[in-house]
Structure formats: structure tokens, C-alpha cells
Amino acid sequence: MAPVGLDDSAAVVSVLNPTGGLVGGDRLVIDVEVGPEAHACLTTPSATKVYRASGSAAVQEVRLRLGAGAALEWVPDHTIPFAASAFRQSVDVELGAGARLILVDAFAAGRVARGEAWRFALLESALRIRDGGGWLLIDRFRLTGDARWAGLGGTEDAAYFATVVVLGDVDVDALARRVMGRLGTSVAVGRLARRGALLRCLVPDAPALARSVDALWSLARRALFGLAPLALRKG
């Protein structure tokens, strides 16, 4: 959709799939290039639905390239894999000198309210981020549907989860204190080897996921850009 200018330095772009969801055999490729010193925020109008597949998986490949001094906020709503669905996603990011990034990768375990948690056939996501100095993050999970994921030692009956990456000149210790003070034990914060932090949250329902991701994004925005939370005015 056309970029929207809100009361913020970022140009906000909503990435829209006109079919309303993904089916087996779909292959989506998203290429984003943010020019030097530019600031963009990319989101989606709503959650991404992945429908039942009888054959090939639905595949989404995202490639994000940031020029020198650029800033990108990649904050799509979460992905919902329906029962018997198969979804493979890859997100590859290249950062120019001094570029800054906030990236959200969030999921439900299925249509939980319909009793379909952990009943997908395949759910896979890979994050790969590098800059001129080499790799900053390689993170991947691959899950097959199994109700045991919900139990003790799995997700403790919490069927919604998200990863948030914050890259740039940020005080990770201060960010971690603010995150833990606001969200407590539903989130964990890890320091990357260079330039940032990896945050993960695990929550019991969709409203809690929305609140948690919004809180993490808001805290990351303040720490990385010195900016107030951005209201995307969805719905």
C-alpha cells in the first residue's frame, strides 16, 4: 500500500496480500531496500493466515537491505498456521554502516480458540542478519505439529511466541532492565556478540501477544531511536 506519513520520522508502509492468506504452493518474495539515512516502518494490516495444505508448503522469502545510516522497523502482525498447514519462512537482512534495525517475528501455535494449537504440519522460520563485519545473527526453528509442545518443558500451555531483534548502538543492559521491569518472566533478553540484543516472549493468548510485542517494540524504539511509540492506526 502507499506509504503513510504519521507524526513520526518513519515512512510507514503496509504490506498487503490481497488473497487474505497463504495456501500450499504459494511462494512470496518480499524485497525491501531502505536508502542511506532513510527511516521506514513496514507492517501488515492484520495477522497472516496459513491455510491447510495437501502438498507443497507455502513459502515466504523476505530480503531486507539497509543503506548506510538507514533505519528499518519490520513489525508485521503474527502468523497463524491452520491445522495441517505447512509454512516455511526466511528473513535475510544486510545492514550498511551504522544502520539500525528492529525486527519482529511472531506466531500463534494455530487457531487456538478452535482447539487447533500445534496441529500444523510444518512451521519453520529462519532469521539471518549480517553487516560489513560479518554475521550478527543466525536463528532458526523448525517445528512439526505435536501437542506435546504445549506441555511441561515445552511452552507450558503458552501458545503464542515472538522474537524481537534490536540492532544498533543500544545499551543492552538498560534495555533489558526496562523490558524485565515491564514484562517480567514472559520475556527473555540476550546480548548479541555485536551491536544489539535478541528478545523472546512466550504468552498464553493473542491479546497478551499483541501487548507484549507492542511493549517490546516501544521500548526498543526509545532505546534505539530515542522516539516515542508509534501508533499504526490499524482497524
Foldseek 3Di string as FASTA:
>chain_A
DDWDDDPDQATEDADEDVVQEAEFPAEAEAEEEAEALHEYEYEHLEEHEFEAYPDHAHEYEYEYEYEANYEYEYYYYAYAYAANHAYEYEYEYEYEHQYWYKHKYKYFQHPVVVVGGLRYQKDKYWYWYDYPVGTFDTDIDIGGRDPCLCPPPHQVQFGIKMKIWTFGPFDQVVLQVVLCVVPNPQKDWDAIPDGTIMMMGTGRDDVVVVVSVQVSVQSSCCGHPVDGRDDPPHD
